Structures are given as structure tokens and as C-alpha cells.
Protein backbone atom coordinates (compact mmCIF):
# COMPACT_ATOMS: atom_id res chain seq x y z
CA MET A 1 24.39 66.00 14.31
CA LYS A 2 24.22 64.97 10.66
CA GLY A 3 25.18 68.49 9.63
CA LEU A 4 28.27 68.35 11.84
CA ARG A 5 29.37 65.04 10.32
CA LYS A 6 28.73 66.39 6.84
CA ARG A 7 30.88 69.45 7.59
CA GLN A 8 33.67 67.26 9.01
CA LYS A 9 33.70 65.12 5.85
CA ALA A 10 33.77 68.26 3.70
CA LYS A 11 36.66 69.61 5.82
CA LYS A 12 38.62 66.37 5.34
CA LYS A 13 38.04 66.53 1.58
CA ASP A 14 39.02 70.19 1.60
CA ASP A 15 42.26 69.38 3.45
CA CYS A 16 42.98 66.52 1.04
CA PHE A 17 42.58 68.75 -2.03
CA PHE A 18 44.72 71.44 -0.40
CA LYS A 19 47.52 68.96 0.38
CA ILE A 20 47.41 67.63 -3.19
CA SER A 21 47.65 71.17 -4.58
CA ILE A 22 50.68 71.90 -2.36
CA CYS A 23 52.35 68.72 -3.67
CA PHE A 24 51.74 69.79 -7.27
CA PHE A 25 53.16 73.26 -6.57
CA LEU A 26 56.26 71.77 -4.94
CA GLY A 27 56.71 69.40 -7.88
CA GLY A 28 56.41 72.34 -10.27
CA ILE A 29 59.03 74.28 -8.32
CA LEU A 30 61.40 71.30 -8.42
CA LEU A 31 60.92 70.97 -12.17
CA CYS A 32 61.64 74.70 -12.58
CA PHE A 33 64.88 74.31 -10.63
CA ALA A 34 65.80 71.29 -12.75
CA ALA A 35 65.13 73.29 -15.92
CA VAL A 36 67.35 76.13 -14.69
CA ALA A 37 70.12 73.75 -13.59
CA VAL A 38 70.29 71.99 -16.96
CA GLY A 39 72.29 73.73 -19.66
CA GLU A 40 70.66 75.65 -22.50
CA GLY A 41 69.66 73.87 -25.69
CA SER A 42 68.78 70.65 -23.94
CA SER A 43 65.50 68.91 -24.65
CA PHE A 44 65.41 67.93 -20.96
CA ARG A 45 65.09 71.62 -20.10
CA GLN A 46 62.05 71.96 -22.35
CA ILE A 47 60.48 68.84 -20.86
CA CYS A 48 61.04 70.21 -17.34
CA ALA A 49 59.51 73.56 -18.29
CA VAL A 50 56.42 71.93 -19.81
CA GLY A 51 56.11 69.59 -16.83
CA ALA A 52 56.38 72.52 -14.42
CA GLY A 53 53.61 74.33 -16.27
CA ILE A 54 51.37 71.27 -16.13
CA PHE A 55 52.10 70.82 -12.42
CA PHE A 56 51.25 74.47 -11.69
CA ILE A 57 47.97 74.19 -13.61
CA LEU A 58 47.04 71.00 -11.73
CA GLY A 59 47.98 72.71 -8.47
CA LEU A 60 45.66 75.60 -9.28
CA ILE A 61 42.83 73.21 -10.17
CA PHE A 62 43.15 71.34 -6.88
CA LEU A 63 43.43 74.62 -4.98
CA CYS A 64 40.16 75.75 -6.57
CA LEU A 65 38.57 72.40 -5.65
CA ALA A 66 39.74 72.87 -2.06
CA GLY A 67 38.15 76.31 -1.94
CA ALA A 68 34.91 75.18 -3.54
CA GLU A 69 34.51 72.07 -1.40
CA GLY A 70 33.65 74.02 1.74
CA GLN A 71 30.86 75.98 0.05
CA GLU A 72 27.35 74.63 -0.08
CA PRO A 73 25.27 75.03 -3.23
CA TYR A 74 22.64 77.36 -1.80
CA LEU A 75 20.87 77.81 -5.11
CA MET A 76 20.20 74.10 -5.53
CA GLU A 77 18.31 73.51 -2.29
CA PRO A 78 15.26 75.58 -1.38
CA HIS A 79 15.37 77.18 2.02
CA GLU A 80 12.66 76.29 4.45
CA THR A 81 10.70 79.30 5.63
CA LEU A 82 8.58 79.36 8.73
CA SER A 83 5.00 80.48 8.66
CA ARG A 84 3.73 83.07 11.12
CA GLU A 85 1.93 80.35 13.08
CA GLN A 86 5.10 78.30 13.45
CA ILE A 87 7.00 81.34 14.66
CA ASP A 88 4.30 82.06 17.25
CA GLU A 89 4.39 78.42 18.42
CA LEU A 90 8.15 78.59 18.79
CA LYS A 91 7.88 81.82 20.78
CA GLU A 92 5.36 80.21 23.13
CA MET A 93 7.58 77.16 23.58
CA LEU A 94 10.48 79.47 24.39
CA LYS A 95 8.43 81.39 26.96
CA GLU A 96 7.31 78.14 28.61
CA ALA A 97 10.88 76.89 28.79
CA GLN A 98 12.03 80.20 30.29
CA GLU A 99 9.26 80.03 32.92
CA ARG A 100 10.27 76.47 33.86
CA ILE A 101 13.88 77.58 34.23
CA ARG A 102 12.87 80.56 36.42
CA LYS A 103 10.75 78.34 38.68
CA LYS A 104 13.73 76.10 39.39
């Protein structure tokens, strides 16, 4: 149950980062259109071009954050391995449960 809640929180964060990256990309596109619409030789055109570049870079950063948020750091946490005895116990429990189901 805790794992499900953890995944749902990660999914919400992932969606949030993705939406932010889309907003930055749209802002960059608008600044590109503004730079094209303004006549040549204007300092406003240069400001729009620089702003569009910054927006695209921020959009890429948030897109990378959205992609990385769903991944778990497998190298940081050791995986639990079962001993042979634990596996045998689990097999016996499974057989007992199957027998109870068959009896019903």
C-alpha cells in the first residue's frame, strides 16, 4: 500500500514537471515568433531570441526532471534476497493455501 502511494506521488510530481516543461516550450515558441515579427536591428529582437533560448533550456531541464522522477535509484538501496529456507517456507505456505482452496 505504501508503495502504491509512493508511486502516485511520484506520478503527480512527474506530471507537474512535464506540464512546467510544456509551458516553458510554449513560452520559448512565443518569444521566437515575437523575435521574427519585430523588424531587424532591434534590440527587442535580440532580447526575445535570448529569452527563447533560456526558455528552451529550462524546458529541457524540466523535461529531464519529469523523466527522471519516475525512476527509482536502484543502486542506492540494496535488494533483499531470500535464503533457500525462506523460499522453501513460502512454497509450503503456497501449497497449504492451494490445498485449503481445493477443499472448499
